[in-house]
Structure formats: C-alpha cells, structure tokens
C-alpha cells in the first residue's frame, strides 16, 4: 500500500478528526472511503456548491430590518 501526505491546517485536521472519531472512523479511513467513492462513482462524493453571495447579503439585510 502506498503512503500519501496531505497538507492542511492543523485546526481543520483536529476538528475533522474529532467528528470522525465520533463516527468511529479515523482520518485515513475517511480519505480512503472518499477516494473509493470518487473512483466508483466517477465524481466527487459530495455536492460542490458556489454560494450565492447576493442572496446571503439580501438575507442579512432582511434580518436587520
């Protein structure tokens, strides 16, 4: 099995690891699971959405009123 290094912010890694621990998973297992889904489904295994900043700004203005 090949070893891979992933660079990420320490706080992000800690937060993700804590959430994965609650699910009984470790970070390595999650990365392998996500990669297997990428290969099996031929797509990113989660939805990628560009936030609509105009709608967010409108929501904030409405909340302020």
PDB file of N, CA and C in Angstrom:
ATOM      1  N   UNK A   1       0.847  -1.174   0.000  1.00  0.00           N
ATOM      2  CA  UNK A   1       0.000   0.000   0.000  1.00  0.00           C
ATOM      3  C   UNK A   1       0.894   1.238   0.000  1.00  0.00           C
ATOM      4  N   UNK A   2       0.519   2.223  -0.787  1.00  0.00           N
ATOM      5  CA  UNK A   2       1.292   3.450  -0.938  1.00  0.00           C
ATOM      6  C   UNK A   2       0.920   4.451   0.155  1.00  0.00           C
ATOM      7  N   UNK A   3       1.901   5.202   0.621  1.00  0.00           N
ATOM      8  CA  UNK A   3       1.683   6.244   1.615  1.00  0.00           C
ATOM      9  C   UNK A   3       1.525   7.590   0.912  1.00  0.00           C
ATOM     10  N   UNK A   4       0.608   8.421   1.408  1.00  0.00           N
ATOM     11  CA  UNK A   4       0.354   9.733   0.829  1.00  0.00           C
ATOM     12  C   UNK A   4       0.374  10.775   1.933  1.00  0.00           C
ATOM     13  N   UNK A   5       0.935  11.934   1.642  1.00  0.00           N
ATOM     14  CA  UNK A   5       0.961  13.036   2.591  1.00  0.00           C
ATOM     15  C   UNK A   5      -0.047  14.087   2.162  1.00  0.00           C
ATOM     16  N   UNK A   6      -0.851  14.552   3.110  1.00  0.00           N
ATOM     17  CA  UNK A   6      -1.831  15.604   2.843  1.00  0.00           C
ATOM     18  C   UNK A   6      -1.494  16.796   3.727  1.00  0.00           C
ATOM     19  N   UNK A   7      -1.417  17.964   3.123  1.00  0.00           N
ATOM     20  CA  UNK A   7      -1.156  19.178   3.893  1.00  0.00           C
ATOM     21  C   UNK A   7      -2.467  19.900   4.144  1.00  0.00           C
ATOM     22  N   UNK A   8      -2.708  20.239   5.414  1.00  0.00           N
ATOM     23  CA  UNK A   8      -3.896  21.022   5.744  1.00  0.00           C
ATOM     24  C   UNK A   8      -3.681  21.732   7.068  1.00  0.00           C
ATOM     25  N   UNK A   9      -4.495  22.714   7.300  1.00  0.00           N
ATOM     26  CA  UNK A   9      -4.448  23.500   8.522  1.00  0.00           C
ATOM     27  C   UNK A   9      -4.640  22.584   9.740  1.00  0.00           C
ATOM     28  N   UNK A  10      -3.837  22.796  10.773  1.00  0.00           N
ATOM     29  CA  UNK A  10      -3.905  21.954  11.975  1.00  0.00           C
ATOM     30  C   UNK A  10      -5.287  21.972  12.619  1.00  0.00           C
ATOM     31  N   UNK A  11      -5.894  23.157  12.716  1.00  0.00           N
ATOM     32  CA  UNK A  11      -7.214  23.256  13.344  1.00  0.00           C
ATOM     33  C   UNK A  11      -8.267  22.490  12.547  1.00  0.00           C
ATOM     34  N   UNK A  12      -8.192  22.574  11.224  1.00  0.00           N
ATOM     35  CA  UNK A  12      -9.131  21.844  10.374  1.00  0.00           C
ATOM     36  C   UNK A  12      -8.971  20.344  10.584  1.00  0.00           C
ATOM     37  N   UNK A  13      -7.741  19.871  10.636  1.00  0.00           N
ATOM     38  CA  UNK A  13      -7.470  18.437  10.847  1.00  0.00           C
ATOM     39  C   UNK A  13      -8.004  17.983  12.198  1.00  0.00           C
ATOM     40  N   UNK A  14      -7.785  18.789  13.242  1.00  0.00           N
ATOM     41  CA  UNK A  14      -8.264  18.426  14.578  1.00  0.00           C
ATOM     42  C   UNK A  14      -9.786  18.350  14.617  1.00  0.00           C
ATOM     43  N   UNK A  15     -10.445  19.335  14.007  1.00  0.00           N
ATOM     44  CA  UNK A  15     -11.907  19.354  14.007  1.00  0.00           C
ATOM     45  C   UNK A  15     -12.471  18.167  13.214  1.00  0.00           C
ATOM     46  N   UNK A  16     -11.890  17.915  12.051  1.00  0.00           N
ATOM     47  CA  UNK A  16     -12.342  16.783  11.232  1.00  0.00           C
ATOM     48  C   UNK A  16     -12.103  15.468  11.966  1.00  0.00           C
ATOM     49  N   UNK A  17     -10.953  15.323  12.582  1.00  0.00           N
ATOM     50  CA  UNK A  17     -10.633  14.089  13.309  1.00  0.00           C
ATOM     51  C   UNK A  17     -11.595  13.861  14.466  1.00  0.00           C
ATOM     52  N   UNK A  18     -11.982  14.931  15.164  1.00  0.00           N
ATOM     53  CA  UNK A  18     -12.926  14.804  16.274  1.00  0.00           C
ATOM     54  C   UNK A  18     -14.286  14.317  15.769  1.00  0.00           C
ATOM     55  N   UNK A  19     -14.740  14.860  14.651  1.00  0.00           N
ATOM     56  CA  UNK A  19     -16.024  14.443  14.081  1.00  0.00           C
ATOM     57  C   UNK A  19     -15.953  12.995  13.592  1.00  0.00           C
ATOM     58  N   UNK A  20     -14.833  12.638  12.982  1.00  0.00           N
ATOM     59  CA  UNK A  20     -14.664  11.263  12.514  1.00  0.00           C
ATOM     60  C   UNK A  20     -14.578  10.289  13.685  1.00  0.00           C
ATOM     61  N   UNK A  21     -13.900  10.697  14.764  1.00  0.00           N
ATOM     62  CA  UNK A  21     -13.826   9.847  15.962  1.00  0.00           C
ATOM     63  C   UNK A  21     -15.223   9.538  16.489  1.00  0.00           C
ATOM     64  N   UNK A  22     -16.105  10.536  16.462  1.00  0.00           N
ATOM     65  CA  UNK A  22     -17.477  10.340  16.934  1.00  0.00           C
ATOM     66  C   UNK A  22     -18.216   9.312  16.076  1.00  0.00           C
ATOM     67  N   UNK A  23     -17.777   9.168  14.830  1.00  0.00           N
ATOM     68  CA  UNK A  23     -18.370   8.184  13.923  1.00  0.00           C
ATOM     69  C   UNK A  23     -17.641   6.842  13.957  1.00  0.00           C
ATOM     70  N   UNK A  24     -16.583   6.768  14.765  1.00  0.00           N
ATOM     71  CA  UNK A  24     -15.808   5.534  14.847  1.00  0.00           C
ATOM     72  C   UNK A  24     -14.825   5.368  13.701  1.00  0.00           C
ATOM     73  N   UNK A  25     -14.471   6.479  13.057  1.00  0.00           N
ATOM     74  CA  UNK A  25     -13.537   6.446  11.929  1.00  0.00           C
ATOM     75  C   UNK A  25     -12.297   7.258  12.257  1.00  0.00           C
ATOM     76  N   UNK A  26     -11.216   6.968  11.554  1.00  0.00           N
ATOM     77  CA  UNK A  26     -10.049   7.831  11.654  1.00  0.00           C
ATOM     78  C   UNK A  26      -9.892   8.577  10.327  1.00  0.00           C
ATOM     79  N   UNK A  27      -8.998   9.546  10.302  1.00  0.00           N
ATOM     80  CA  UNK A  27      -8.852  10.404   9.132  1.00  0.00           C
ATOM     81  C   UNK A  27      -8.431   9.605   7.905  1.00  0.00           C
ATOM     82  N   UNK A  28      -7.505   8.689   8.076  1.00  0.00           N
ATOM     83  CA  UNK A  28      -7.031   7.879   6.958  1.00  0.00           C
ATOM     84  C   UNK A  28      -8.170   7.067   6.341  1.00  0.00           C
ATOM     85  N   UNK A  29      -8.985   6.449   7.182  1.00  0.00           N
ATOM     86  CA  UNK A  29     -10.111   5.656   6.686  1.00  0.00           C
ATOM     87  C   UNK A  29     -11.070   6.525   5.883  1.00  0.00           C
ATOM     88  N   UNK A  30     -11.333   7.737   6.371  1.00  0.00           N
ATOM     89  CA  UNK A  30     -12.227   8.649   5.660  1.00  0.00           C
ATOM     90  C   UNK A  30     -11.672   8.999   4.278  1.00  0.00           C
ATOM     91  N   UNK A  31     -10.389   9.304   4.198  1.00  0.00           N
ATOM     92  CA  UNK A  31      -9.782   9.657   2.909  1.00  0.00           C
ATOM     93  C   UNK A  31      -9.871   8.477   1.944  1.00  0.00           C
ATOM     94  N   UNK A  32      -9.612   7.277   2.437  1.00  0.00           N
ATOM     95  CA  UNK A  32      -9.718   6.088   1.583  1.00  0.00           C
ATOM     96  C   UNK A  32     -11.166   5.894   1.126  1.00  0.00           C
ATOM     97  N   UNK A  33     -12.135   6.058   2.033  1.00  0.00           N
ATOM     98  CA  UNK A  33     -13.547   5.919   1.668  1.00  0.00           C
ATOM     99  C   UNK A  33     -13.943   6.930   0.594  1.00  0.00           C
ATOM    100  N   UNK A  34     -13.556   8.188   0.778  1.00  0.00           N
ATOM    101  CA  UNK A  34     -13.900   9.235  -0.187  1.00  0.00           C
ATOM    102  C   UNK A  34     -13.248   8.953  -1.538  1.00  0.00           C
ATOM    103  N   UNK A  35     -12.014   8.478  -1.526  1.00  0.00           N
ATOM    104  CA  UNK A  35     -11.311   8.171  -2.770  1.00  0.00           C
ATOM    105  C   UNK A  35     -11.956   6.987  -3.487  1.00  0.00           C
ATOM    106  N   UNK A  36     -12.361   5.973  -2.738  1.00  0.00           N
ATOM    107  CA  UNK A  36     -13.046   4.829  -3.353  1.00  0.00           C
ATOM    108  C   UNK A  36     -14.360   5.262  -3.994  1.00  0.00           C
ATOM    109  N   UNK A  37     -15.081   6.169  -3.348  1.00  0.00           N
ATOM    110  CA  UNK A  37     -16.324   6.677  -3.925  1.00  0.00           C
ATOM    111  C   UNK A  37     -16.053   7.489  -5.185  1.00  0.00           C
ATOM    112  N   UNK A  38     -14.988   8.262  -5.203  1.00  0.00           N
ATOM    113  CA  UNK A  38     -14.588   9.014  -6.391  1.00  0.00           C
ATOM    114  C   UNK A  38     -14.369   8.063  -7.562  1.00  0.00           C
ATOM    115  N   UNK A  39     -13.660   6.983  -7.321  1.00  0.00           N
ATOM    116  CA  UNK A  39     -13.363   6.009  -8.375  1.00  0.00           C
ATOM    117  C   UNK A  39     -14.634   5.266  -8.800  1.00  0.00           C
ATOM    118  N   UNK A  40     -15.446   4.841  -7.843  1.00  0.00           N
ATOM    119  CA  UNK A  40     -16.648   4.058  -8.156  1.00  0.00           C
ATOM    120  C   UNK A  40     -17.717   4.880  -8.872  1.00  0.00           C
ATOM    121  N   UNK A  41     -17.889   6.142  -8.445  1.00  0.00           N
ATOM    122  CA  UNK A  41     -18.959   6.975  -8.987  1.00  0.00           C
ATOM    123  C   UNK A  41     -18.489   7.900 -10.105  1.00  0.00           C
ATOM    124  N   UNK A  42     -17.178   7.977 -10.274  1.00  0.00           N
ATOM    125  CA  UNK A  42     -16.587   8.875 -11.273  1.00  0.00           C
ATOM    126  C   UNK A  42     -17.010  10.327 -11.041  1.00  0.00           C
ATOM    127  N   UNK A  43     -17.105  10.695  -9.752  1.00  0.00           N
ATOM    128  CA  UNK A  43     -17.452  12.069  -9.383  1.00  0.00           C
ATOM    129  C   UNK A  43     -17.000  12.326  -7.954  1.00  0.00           C
ATOM    130  N   UNK A  44     -16.931  13.591  -7.582  1.00  0.00           N
ATOM    131  CA  UNK A  44     -16.635  13.959  -6.200  1.00  0.00           C
ATOM    132  C   UNK A  44     -17.797  13.436  -5.343  1.00  0.00           C
ATOM    133  N   UNK A  45     -17.522  12.765  -4.224  1.00  0.00           N
ATOM    134  CA  UNK A  45     -18.596  12.119  -3.466  1.00  0.00           C
ATOM    135  C   UNK A  45     -19.412  13.052  -2.571  1.00  0.00           C
ATOM    136  N   UNK A  46     -19.475  14.307  -2.900  1.00  0.00           N
ATOM    137  CA  UNK A  46     -20.319  15.266  -2.193  1.00  0.00           C
ATOM    138  C   UNK A  46     -20.621  16.407  -3.140  1.00  0.00           C
ATOM    139  N   UNK A  47     -21.662  17.165  -2.845  1.00  0.00           N
ATOM    140  CA  UNK A  47     -22.060  18.262  -3.718  1.00  0.00           C
ATOM    141  C   UNK A  47     -21.144  19.462  -3.535  1.00  0.00           C
ATOM    142  N   UNK A  48     -20.736  20.043  -4.646  1.00  0.00           N
ATOM    143  CA  UNK A  48     -19.957  21.273  -4.630  1.00  0.00           C
ATOM    144  C   UNK A  48     -20.887  22.395  -5.069  1.00  0.00           C
ATOM    145  N   UNK A  49     -21.053  23.395  -4.211  1.00  0.00           N
ATOM    146  CA  UNK A  49     -21.974  24.480  -4.496  1.00  0.00           C
ATOM    147  C   UNK A  49     -21.254  25.804  -4.302  1.00  0.00           C
ATOM    148  N   UNK A  50     -21.383  26.677  -5.281  1.00  0.00           N
ATOM    149  CA  UNK A  50     -20.850  28.030  -5.152  1.00  0.00           C
ATOM    150  C   UNK A  50     -21.919  28.843  -4.431  1.00  0.00           C
ATOM    151  N   UNK A  51     -21.594  29.408  -3.267  1.00  0.00           N
ATOM    152  CA  UNK A  51     -22.606  30.156  -2.526  1.00  0.00           C
ATOM    153  C   UNK A  51     -23.059  31.390  -3.298  1.00  0.00           C
ATOM    154  N   UNK A  52     -24.337  31.670  -3.218  1.00  0.00           N
ATOM    155  CA  UNK A  52     -24.912  32.840  -3.863  1.00  0.00           C
ATOM    156  C   UNK A  52     -24.763  34.006  -2.893  1.00  0.00           C
ATOM    157  N   UNK A  53     -23.697  34.776  -3.039  1.00  0.00           N
ATOM    158  CA  UNK A  53     -23.407  35.848  -2.089  1.00  0.00           C
ATOM    159  C   UNK A  53     -24.464  36.936  -2.116  1.00  0.00           C
ATOM    160  N   UNK A  54     -25.092  37.165  -3.260  1.00  0.00           N
ATOM    161  CA  UNK A  54     -26.133  38.180  -3.326  1.00  0.00           C
ATOM    162  C   UNK A  54     -27.309  37.773  -2.433  1.00  0.00           C
ATOM    163  N   UNK A  55     -27.700  36.532  -2.489  1.00  0.00           N
ATOM    164  CA  UNK A  55     -28.804  36.065  -1.653  1.00  0.00           C
ATOM    165  C   UNK A  55     -28.443  36.150  -0.178  1.00  0.00           C
ATOM    166  N   UNK A  56     -27.198  35.823   0.174  1.00  0.00           N
ATOM    167  CA  UNK A  56     -26.758  35.918   1.557  1.00  0.00           C
ATOM    168  C   UNK A  56     -26.819  37.356   2.036  1.00  0.00           C
ATOM    169  N   UNK A  57     -26.382  38.300   1.199  1.00  0.00           N
ATOM    170  CA  UNK A  57     -26.429  39.712   1.562  1.00  0.00           C
ATOM    171  C   UNK A  57     -27.869  40.175   1.746  1.00  0.00           C
ATOM    172  N   UNK A  58     -28.767  39.733   0.870  1.00  0.00           N
ATOM    173  CA  UNK A  58     -30.180  40.095   0.988  1.00  0.00           C
ATOM    174  C   UNK A  58     -30.768  39.531   2.274  1.00  0.00           C
ATOM    175  N   UNK A  59     -30.412  38.292   2.617  1.00  0.00           N
ATOM    176  CA  UNK A  59     -30.896  37.680   3.850  1.00  0.00           C
ATOM    177  C   UNK A  59     -30.438  38.476   5.065  1.00  0.00           C
ATOM    178  N   UNK A  60     -29.194  38.914   5.071  1.00  0.00           N
ATOM    179  CA  UNK A  60     -28.661  39.690   6.191  1.00  0.00           C
ATOM    180  C   UNK A  60     -29.397  41.013   6.329  1.00  0.00           C
ATOM    181  N   UNK A  61     -29.696  41.651   5.200  1.00  0.00           N
ATOM    182  CA  UNK A  61     -30.424  42.921   5.247  1.00  0.00           C
ATOM    183  C   UNK A  61     -31.835  42.713   5.785  1.00  0.00           C
ATOM    184  N   UNK A  62     -32.483  41.631   5.367  1.00  0.00           N
ATOM    185  CA  UNK A  62     -33.834  41.349   5.844  1.00  0.00           C
ATOM    186  C   UNK A  62     -33.835  41.070   7.342  1.00  0.00           C
ATOM    187  N   UNK A  63     -32.814  40.364   7.825  1.00  0.00           N
ATOM    188  CA  UNK A  63     -32.721  40.064   9.248  1.00  0.00           C
ATOM    189  C   UNK A  63     -32.510  41.333  10.061  1.00  0.00           C
ATOM    190  N   UNK A  64     -31.800  42.299   9.491  1.00  0.00           N
ATOM    191  CA  UNK A  64     -31.502  43.543  10.191  1.00  0.00           C
ATOM    192  C   UNK A  64     -32.748  44.422  10.336  1.00  0.00           C
ATOM    193  N   UNK A  65     -33.716  44.247   9.450  1.00  0.00           N
ATOM    194  CA  UNK A  65     -34.933  45.090   9.482  1.00  0.00           C
ATOM    195  C   UNK A  65     -35.880  44.701  10.570  1.00  0.00           C
TER     196      UNK A  65
END
